[in-house]
Amino acid sequence: MFKNYFKIALRNFIKQKGYSLINLLGLSIGLAACILITLYILQEISFDNLHSKADRIY
């Protein structure tokens, strides 16, 4: 079943190159932005965890 889906997707990518390029570019930019935002948030959350009284830091 996945083989059939892959064939259909490949056929559509070959037929509509511009549309497929825009979709793949948007998907890759969106995933990269999501990963960067997640890494930034994780770094900000873990910033004051080294201190013994981290809950009292303002």
Protein backbone atom coordinates (compact mmCIF):
# COMPACT_ATOMS: atom_id res chain seq x y z
CA MET A 1 0.00 0.00 0.00
CA PHE A 2 2.83 2.41 0.85
CA LYS A 3 4.54 1.46 -2.38
CA ASN A 4 1.46 2.62 -4.30
CA TYR A 5 1.33 5.90 -2.34
CA PHE A 6 5.01 6.46 -3.05
CA LYS A 7 4.49 5.88 -6.79
CA ILE A 8 1.59 8.31 -6.91
CA ALA A 9 3.51 10.96 -4.97
CA LEU A 10 6.56 10.57 -7.20
CA ARG A 11 4.40 10.83 -10.31
CA ASN A 12 2.80 14.02 -9.02
CA PHE A 13 6.19 15.50 -8.10
CA ILE A 14 7.43 14.88 -11.63
CA LYS A 15 4.28 16.33 -13.23
CA GLN A 16 4.09 19.47 -11.11
CA LYS A 17 7.69 20.42 -10.36
CA GLY A 18 7.09 24.04 -9.35
CA TYR A 19 4.21 23.26 -7.02
CA SER A 20 6.12 20.38 -5.46
CA LEU A 21 9.22 22.53 -4.95
CA ILE A 22 7.16 25.19 -3.18
CA ASN A 23 5.56 22.56 -0.93
CA LEU A 24 8.88 20.90 -0.05
CA LEU A 25 10.54 24.25 0.57
CA GLY A 26 7.71 25.35 2.87
CA LEU A 27 7.80 22.05 4.74
CA SER A 28 11.57 22.20 5.25
CA ILE A 29 11.48 25.83 6.42
CA GLY A 30 8.62 25.05 8.81
CA LEU A 31 10.40 22.05 10.31
CA ALA A 32 13.66 23.98 10.68
CA ALA A 33 11.86 26.86 12.41
CA CYS A 34 10.07 24.46 14.75
CA ILE A 35 13.33 22.75 15.70
CA LEU A 36 15.09 26.08 16.29
CA ILE A 37 12.25 27.42 18.44
CA THR A 38 12.20 24.19 20.47
CA LEU A 39 15.96 24.34 21.04
CA TYR A 40 15.74 27.99 22.10
CA ILE A 41 12.91 27.28 24.55
CA LEU A 42 14.74 24.30 26.05
CA GLN A 43 17.88 26.40 26.50
CA GLU A 44 15.93 29.21 28.19
CA ILE A 45 14.12 26.81 30.52
CA SER A 46 17.33 25.13 31.67
CA PHE A 47 19.27 28.35 32.24
CA ASP A 48 19.11 28.64 36.06
CA ASN A 49 19.02 24.94 36.96
CA LEU A 50 22.67 24.93 38.09
CA HIS A 51 22.00 27.12 41.13
CA SER A 52 21.02 25.50 44.41
CA LYS A 53 18.21 28.04 45.01
CA ALA A 54 17.05 28.43 41.43
CA ASP A 55 13.43 28.90 42.44
CA ARG A 56 14.36 32.10 44.34
CA ILE A 57 16.14 33.81 41.40
CA TYR A 58 14.26 36.70 39.81
